[in-house]
Amino acid sequence: MNGVSAEKRRFGIAAMLAASLCFSLGGLLMKIIPWNPLAINGARNLIACCVIGLYIRFIKHPLKCNGTVLFGAAALAATTTLYAVANKLTTAGNTIVLQYTAPIWIIVFMYFLFGQKPDRTALITVFIVLIGIVCFFLDSMSTGRWLGDVLALLSGITYALVFLLNRFEKGDALSSVFFGQLFCGIFLSPLVLKETVFTPGVLTAVFVLGSVQVGIAYIFFTTGTKYTEPVTASIINAIEPILNPVLVAIFYKEVLGRFSLIGAAVVIVGILFYDVLTAKRAKAE
């Protein structure tokens, strides 16, 4: 990124790494909370909104409200909502890996929104990832989880827009995240009143989900995307689709199907292949 020092780039990478570690808690926490996914998303975003609001006040960051910021807020709200619902309809592994296709959609959006044409490496990566997506749906068609996989894939598309928030002239990622969480909290949290299970364990999981997995995670995320390229930032999140299903498998005993495992490997390897070649090219230049 032009105008960003090497020190700030390293700081941005560390922030993205911290964000991915926080994000990886989502699959397990959402599985153990026996609520409607929309109620979970409302509650976690309401808590996260308070965390982000305190952070904004602490750093004295001026909130912006314009069309670009609100578009980003809608993308963030759609991402968290689609993820929450998909996580209940399919496996946590399928959900996070299909959301992890975001770099592919970033390539697409960079072309249509900013005129940045994809090179041969990008096109090869798109083809590889599409093969991985097909593997997921081979599994989901036999298990009846195809709707969850579709929603997870859509969350990857909206997530790509979240990575691009700082690329727009009038964009402000922190403001978009705050408003997106606020919207979800206002419109979805009332659904919590319909729930009946409020044990200490469930309430603790909801609090951690909102404060750490969303609130603190997006503080790291918005900082990281400020100092790293969109594709690079999204690749650092490779820890999330790996650690997320591992935690669910260990503590919730949920595992991926055979084709989904193949698809996960193909998607992750394909995107890492793109990142490595892109990073080498950037270093050479």
Protein backbone atom coordinates (compact mmCIF):
# COMPACT_ATOMS: atom_id res chain seq x y z
CA MET A 1 0.00 0.00 0.00
CA ASN A 2 1.39 3.40 -0.99
CA GLY A 3 2.29 5.68 1.91
CA VAL A 4 2.27 2.91 4.55
CA SER A 5 5.57 2.24 6.33
CA ALA A 6 6.98 -1.24 6.86
CA GLU A 7 6.36 -0.88 10.61
CA LYS A 8 2.69 -0.10 10.06
CA ARG A 9 2.39 -3.02 7.64
CA ARG A 10 3.75 -5.35 10.31
CA PHE A 11 1.34 -3.87 12.82
CA GLY A 12 -1.51 -4.39 10.35
CA ILE A 13 -0.53 -8.03 9.83
CA ALA A 14 -0.42 -8.60 13.61
CA ALA A 15 -3.85 -7.00 13.96
CA MET A 16 -5.31 -9.22 11.23
CA LEU A 17 -3.79 -12.27 12.90
CA ALA A 18 -5.40 -11.33 16.23
CA ALA A 19 -8.70 -10.75 14.45
CA SER A 20 -8.65 -14.18 12.83
CA LEU A 21 -7.97 -15.85 16.20
CA CYS A 22 -10.96 -14.06 17.73
CA PHE A 23 -13.16 -14.84 14.72
CA SER A 24 -12.30 -18.55 14.95
CA LEU A 25 -14.29 -18.87 18.18
CA GLY A 26 -17.54 -18.22 16.31
CA GLY A 27 -18.32 -21.73 15.06
CA LEU A 28 -18.01 -23.40 18.47
CA LEU A 29 -19.82 -20.69 20.45
CA MET A 30 -22.74 -20.54 18.01
CA LYS A 31 -23.11 -24.32 18.06
CA ILE A 32 -23.42 -24.48 21.85
CA ILE A 33 -25.97 -21.66 22.10
CA PRO A 34 -29.42 -23.30 21.59
CA TRP A 35 -31.09 -20.17 20.21
CA ASN A 36 -32.50 -19.14 16.87
CA PRO A 37 -29.52 -17.96 14.77
CA LEU A 38 -31.11 -14.57 14.17
CA ALA A 39 -31.54 -14.08 17.92
CA ILE A 40 -27.89 -15.05 18.45
CA ASN A 41 -26.76 -12.61 15.77
CA GLY A 42 -28.87 -9.81 17.25
CA ALA A 43 -27.53 -10.36 20.76
CA ARG A 44 -23.89 -10.69 19.73
CA ASN A 45 -24.04 -7.59 17.55
CA LEU A 46 -25.73 -5.54 20.28
CA ILE A 47 -22.90 -6.44 22.66
CA ALA A 48 -20.30 -5.87 19.94
CA CYS A 49 -21.80 -2.48 19.15
CA CYS A 50 -21.23 -1.40 22.76
CA VAL A 51 -17.60 -2.60 22.59
CA ILE A 52 -16.97 -0.81 19.29
CA GLY A 53 -18.77 2.30 20.56
CA LEU A 54 -16.52 2.47 23.63
CA TYR A 55 -13.46 1.98 21.43
CA ILE A 56 -14.55 4.76 19.06
CA ARG A 57 -15.09 7.07 22.01
CA PHE A 58 -11.73 6.13 23.53
CA ILE A 59 -9.72 6.86 20.38
CA LYS A 60 -11.93 9.86 19.55
CA HIS A 61 -12.66 8.52 16.08
CA PRO A 62 -15.23 10.71 14.29
CA LEU A 63 -18.21 8.66 13.14
CA LYS A 64 -19.07 9.16 9.49
CA CYS A 65 -22.49 8.65 7.99
CA ASN A 66 -22.78 8.75 4.22
CA GLY A 67 -23.93 6.47 1.43
CA THR A 68 -20.62 4.60 1.27
CA VAL A 69 -20.51 4.03 5.02
CA LEU A 70 -24.11 2.81 5.10
CA PHE A 71 -23.43 0.49 2.16
CA GLY A 72 -20.54 -0.95 4.16
CA ALA A 73 -22.80 -1.29 7.20
CA ALA A 74 -25.29 -3.26 5.11
CA ALA A 75 -22.48 -5.53 3.89
CA LEU A 76 -21.32 -6.15 7.47
CA ALA A 77 -24.87 -6.81 8.68
CA ALA A 78 -25.48 -9.23 5.81
CA THR A 79 -22.18 -11.02 6.48
CA THR A 80 -22.82 -11.65 10.18
CA THR A 81 -26.46 -12.62 9.60
CA LEU A 82 -25.73 -15.02 6.74
CA TYR A 83 -22.90 -16.58 8.74
CA ALA A 84 -25.10 -17.07 11.82
CA VAL A 85 -27.91 -18.75 9.90
CA ALA A 86 -25.55 -20.87 7.76
CA ASN A 87 -23.71 -22.07 10.87
CA LYS A 88 -26.95 -23.63 12.12
CA LEU A 89 -27.92 -25.17 8.76
CA THR A 90 -24.60 -26.75 7.81
CA THR A 91 -21.33 -27.67 9.51
CA ALA A 92 -19.14 -24.97 11.06
CA GLY A 93 -16.34 -26.08 8.72
CA ASN A 94 -18.46 -25.68 5.59
CA THR A 95 -19.67 -22.29 6.80
CA ILE A 96 -16.28 -20.77 7.52
CA VAL A 97 -14.44 -22.18 4.51
CA LEU A 98 -17.15 -21.06 2.09
CA GLN A 99 -17.07 -17.63 3.71
CA TYR A 100 -13.31 -17.78 3.25
CA THR A 101 -13.83 -17.64 -0.53
CA ALA A 102 -13.95 -13.85 0.05
CA PRO A 103 -10.57 -13.26 -1.70
CA ILE A 104 -12.06 -14.59 -4.93
CA TRP A 105 -14.92 -12.12 -4.73
CA ILE A 106 -12.41 -9.38 -3.83
CA ILE A 107 -10.68 -10.08 -7.15
CA VAL A 108 -14.05 -9.80 -8.91
CA PHE A 109 -15.03 -6.57 -7.11
CA MET A 110 -11.60 -5.01 -7.64
CA TYR A 111 -12.17 -5.46 -11.38
CA PHE A 112 -15.75 -4.17 -11.55
CA LEU A 113 -15.42 -1.39 -8.95
CA PHE A 114 -11.84 -0.22 -9.42
CA GLY A 115 -10.94 -1.46 -12.90
CA GLN A 116 -8.11 -3.67 -11.63
CA LYS A 117 -7.91 -6.52 -14.13
CA PRO A 118 -7.10 -9.97 -12.71
CA ASP A 119 -3.85 -11.53 -13.92
CA ARG A 120 -3.34 -15.16 -14.91
CA THR A 121 -2.55 -16.16 -11.32
CA ALA A 122 -5.84 -14.68 -10.13
CA LEU A 123 -7.82 -16.47 -12.84
CA ILE A 124 -6.15 -19.80 -12.00
CA THR A 125 -6.99 -19.24 -8.33
CA VAL A 126 -10.62 -18.52 -9.15
CA PHE A 127 -10.81 -21.79 -11.11
CA ILE A 128 -9.19 -23.78 -8.26
CA VAL A 129 -11.53 -22.32 -5.64
CA LEU A 130 -14.58 -23.00 -7.80
CA ILE A 131 -13.54 -26.68 -7.87
CA GLY A 132 -13.39 -26.60 -4.07
CA ILE A 133 -16.87 -25.05 -3.88
CA VAL A 134 -18.24 -27.83 -6.10
CA CYS A 135 -16.81 -30.40 -3.64
CA PHE A 136 -18.73 -28.78 -0.79
CA PHE A 137 -21.98 -28.98 -2.68
CA LEU A 138 -21.38 -32.62 -3.60
CA ASP A 139 -21.47 -33.31 0.13
CA SER A 140 -24.33 -30.95 0.96
CA MET A 141 -26.65 -32.34 -1.73
CA SER A 142 -26.44 -35.78 -0.13
CA THR A 143 -26.86 -34.51 3.44
CA GLY A 144 -29.56 -31.91 2.77
CA ARG A 145 -27.34 -29.05 3.93
CA TRP A 146 -27.20 -27.26 0.58
CA LEU A 147 -29.14 -24.20 1.81
CA GLY A 148 -26.62 -23.62 4.59
CA ASP A 149 -23.79 -23.90 2.07
CA VAL A 150 -25.47 -21.40 -0.26
CA LEU A 151 -25.89 -18.89 2.58
CA ALA A 152 -22.28 -19.43 3.64
CA LEU A 153 -21.13 -18.76 0.08
CA LEU A 154 -23.21 -15.57 -0.02
CA SER A 155 -21.58 -14.49 3.25
CA GLY A 156 -18.23 -14.82 1.49
CA ILE A 157 -19.43 -12.42 -1.19
CA THR A 158 -20.65 -9.80 1.31
CA TYR A 159 -17.51 -10.35 3.41
CA ALA A 160 -15.41 -9.38 0.40
CA LEU A 161 -17.14 -5.99 0.40
CA VAL A 162 -16.25 -5.55 4.08
CA PHE A 163 -12.56 -6.00 3.19
CA LEU A 164 -12.86 -3.19 0.65
CA LEU A 165 -14.41 -0.58 2.97
CA ASN A 166 -11.21 1.45 3.28
CA ARG A 167 -10.74 1.43 -0.49
CA PHE A 168 -13.65 3.78 -1.17
CA GLU A 169 -12.94 7.52 -1.08
CA LYS A 170 -15.71 8.28 1.43
CA GLY A 171 -15.47 4.93 3.20
CA ASP A 172 -14.71 4.46 6.87
CA ALA A 173 -14.48 0.85 8.00
CA LEU A 174 -14.93 1.55 11.72
CA SER A 175 -18.08 3.59 11.13
CA SER A 176 -19.50 0.92 8.82
CA VAL A 177 -18.82 -1.82 11.38
CA PHE A 178 -20.43 0.22 14.17
CA PHE A 179 -23.58 0.99 12.20
CA GLY A 180 -23.82 -2.54 10.81
CA GLN A 181 -23.67 -4.00 14.32
CA LEU A 182 -26.11 -1.39 15.58
CA PHE A 183 -28.65 -2.25 12.87
CA CYS A 184 -28.42 -5.98 13.61
CA GLY A 185 -28.67 -5.34 17.33
CA ILE A 186 -31.75 -3.14 17.03
CA PHE A 187 -33.68 -5.28 14.58
CA LEU A 188 -32.68 -8.81 15.66
CA SER A 189 -31.99 -8.72 19.42
CA PRO A 190 -35.72 -8.53 20.32
CA LEU A 191 -35.93 -12.15 19.07
CA VAL A 192 -34.02 -13.13 22.23
CA LEU A 193 -37.25 -12.57 24.16
CA LYS A 194 -38.68 -15.66 22.46
CA GLU A 195 -35.89 -17.88 23.77
CA THR A 196 -36.27 -20.02 26.90
CA VAL A 197 -32.74 -21.21 27.72
CA PHE A 198 -30.76 -18.67 29.73
CA THR A 199 -28.32 -20.80 31.70
CA PRO A 200 -25.04 -19.22 32.93
CA GLY A 201 -23.14 -21.21 30.30
CA VAL A 202 -25.33 -19.96 27.46
CA LEU A 203 -25.21 -16.34 28.64
CA THR A 204 -21.42 -16.53 29.01
CA ALA A 205 -21.11 -17.92 25.47
CA VAL A 206 -23.32 -15.09 24.13
CA PHE A 207 -21.24 -12.47 25.96
CA VAL A 208 -17.92 -13.88 24.69
CA LEU A 209 -19.40 -14.18 21.20
CA GLY A 210 -20.40 -10.52 21.19
CA SER A 211 -17.48 -8.93 23.04
CA VAL A 212 -14.54 -11.01 21.75
CA GLN A 213 -15.60 -12.90 18.60
CA VAL A 214 -17.27 -9.82 17.08
CA GLY A 215 -16.44 -6.65 19.04
CA ILE A 216 -12.72 -6.99 19.75
CA ALA A 217 -12.24 -9.00 16.54
CA TYR A 218 -13.56 -6.16 14.38
CA ILE A 219 -11.41 -3.62 16.21
CA PHE A 220 -8.39 -5.67 15.15
CA PHE A 221 -9.96 -6.23 11.72
CA THR A 222 -10.57 -2.56 10.89
CA THR A 223 -7.04 -1.72 12.08
CA GLY A 224 -5.54 -4.52 10.00
CA THR A 225 -7.38 -3.63 6.80
CA LYS A 226 -6.20 -0.03 7.18
CA TYR A 227 -2.55 -1.04 6.83
CA THR A 228 -2.69 -4.12 4.60
CA GLU A 229 -3.87 -4.81 1.07
CA PRO A 230 -7.39 -6.34 0.86
CA VAL A 231 -6.24 -9.67 -0.57
CA THR A 232 -3.30 -9.93 1.85
CA ALA A 233 -5.56 -9.16 4.80
CA SER A 234 -8.05 -11.80 3.73
CA ILE A 235 -5.32 -14.42 3.32
CA ILE A 236 -4.04 -13.86 6.87
CA ASN A 237 -7.49 -15.00 7.93
CA ALA A 238 -6.48 -18.50 6.77
CA ILE A 239 -6.11 -19.34 10.46
CA GLU A 240 -9.85 -18.92 10.95
CA PRO A 241 -11.14 -21.59 8.51
CA ILE A 242 -8.53 -23.99 9.86
CA LEU A 243 -8.94 -23.39 13.61
CA ASN A 244 -12.73 -22.87 13.56
CA PRO A 245 -13.73 -26.43 12.52
CA VAL A 246 -10.93 -27.91 14.65
CA LEU A 247 -12.40 -26.32 17.80
CA VAL A 248 -15.89 -27.51 16.83
CA ALA A 249 -14.61 -31.04 16.16
CA ILE A 250 -12.82 -31.19 19.53
CA PHE A 251 -15.52 -29.71 21.74
CA TYR A 252 -18.73 -30.32 19.76
CA LYS A 253 -17.80 -33.56 17.94
CA GLU A 254 -18.84 -32.20 14.52
CA VAL A 255 -16.66 -33.19 11.59
CA LEU A 256 -16.61 -32.43 7.87
CA GLY A 257 -17.73 -34.96 5.26
CA ARG A 258 -15.25 -36.51 2.84
CA PHE A 259 -15.96 -34.18 -0.08
CA SER A 260 -16.12 -31.17 2.25
CA LEU A 261 -12.65 -32.01 3.57
CA ILE A 262 -11.38 -32.16 -0.01
CA GLY A 263 -13.16 -28.91 -0.81
CA ALA A 264 -11.71 -27.19 2.27
CA ALA A 265 -8.19 -28.26 1.30
CA VAL A 266 -8.68 -27.10 -2.30
CA VAL A 267 -10.08 -23.68 -1.28
CA ILE A 268 -7.43 -22.95 1.34
CA VAL A 269 -4.52 -24.18 -0.80
CA GLY A 270 -5.86 -22.30 -3.84
CA ILE A 271 -6.11 -19.00 -2.03
CA LEU A 272 -2.77 -19.41 -0.26
CA PHE A 273 -1.25 -20.20 -3.67
CA TYR A 274 -2.52 -16.85 -4.93
CA ASP A 275 -1.24 -14.99 -1.86
CA VAL A 276 2.25 -16.47 -2.01
CA LEU A 277 2.69 -15.61 -5.68
CA THR A 278 1.23 -12.14 -5.19
CA ALA A 279 3.49 -11.46 -2.20
CA LYS A 280 6.58 -12.63 -4.14
CA ARG A 281 5.65 -10.40 -7.06
CA ALA A 282 5.13 -7.40 -4.77
CA LYS A 283 8.48 -8.02 -3.05
CA ALA A 284 10.25 -8.26 -6.40
CA GLU A 285 8.73 -4.95 -7.48
